[in-house]
Amino acid sequence: MDINSDDMTCSFQKPWDPCVKRKDAPDSLAQRQMIRVIPSNRASHIRTLQLT
């Protein structure tokens, strides 16, 4: 995890749950955001993740 001290944002190397298949990660992240498990709480963040 890298934290940018200028704007206090962080980026993760692997933003998905290791128990979730890569192709299912966007749906899993959306579900976690809905139940308020994702700390960032930004729906746009989920749609812009690059899972390559």
Protein backbone atom coordinates (compact mmCIF):
# COMPACT_ATOMS: atom_id res chain seq x y z
CA MET A 1 0.00 0.00 0.00
CA ASP A 2 1.38 3.39 -1.04
CA ILE A 3 0.13 6.55 0.69
CA ASN A 4 0.44 9.93 -1.00
CA SER A 5 1.09 12.42 1.82
CA ASP A 6 0.03 15.42 -0.32
CA ASP A 7 -3.62 14.43 -0.65
CA MET A 8 -3.72 11.43 1.75
CA THR A 9 -4.82 8.93 -0.91
CA CYS A 10 -3.60 5.37 -1.01
CA SER A 11 -3.20 2.79 -3.74
CA PHE A 12 -3.18 -0.95 -3.29
CA GLN A 13 -1.23 -3.51 -5.28
CA LYS A 14 -4.15 -5.97 -5.31
CA PRO A 15 -7.48 -4.23 -4.59
CA TRP A 16 -9.57 -7.41 -4.73
CA ASP A 17 -10.25 -10.15 -2.25
CA PRO A 18 -7.96 -13.14 -2.96
CA CYS A 19 -10.97 -15.46 -2.61
CA VAL A 20 -12.73 -13.70 -5.51
CA LYS A 21 -11.89 -14.51 -9.13
CA ARG A 22 -10.42 -11.58 -11.04
CA LYS A 23 -13.39 -11.43 -13.44
CA ASP A 24 -15.78 -11.22 -10.46
CA ALA A 25 -13.81 -8.50 -8.65
CA PRO A 26 -15.86 -5.47 -9.88
CA ASP A 27 -19.11 -7.09 -8.69
CA SER A 28 -17.53 -8.10 -5.40
CA LEU A 29 -16.20 -4.58 -4.84
CA ALA A 30 -19.61 -3.09 -5.69
CA GLN A 31 -21.26 -5.40 -3.18
CA ARG A 32 -18.72 -4.44 -0.51
CA GLN A 33 -19.30 -0.75 -1.22
CA MET A 34 -23.05 -1.29 -0.86
CA ILE A 35 -22.60 -2.84 2.60
CA ARG A 36 -20.03 -0.14 3.46
CA VAL A 37 -16.97 -2.38 3.78
CA ILE A 38 -14.81 -0.35 1.36
CA PRO A 39 -13.14 2.51 3.25
CA SER A 40 -12.98 4.86 0.23
CA ASN A 41 -16.80 4.74 -0.26
CA ARG A 42 -16.52 6.01 -3.84
CA ALA A 43 -18.60 4.14 -6.40
CA SER A 44 -16.68 5.80 -9.26
CA HIS A 45 -13.49 4.29 -7.84
CA ILE A 46 -14.92 0.78 -8.27
CA ARG A 47 -15.81 1.34 -11.91
CA THR A 48 -12.35 2.71 -12.78
CA LEU A 49 -10.22 -0.08 -11.31
CA GLN A 50 -7.75 -1.59 -13.75
CA LEU A 51 -7.59 -5.32 -13.03
CA THR A 52 -4.84 -6.29 -15.43
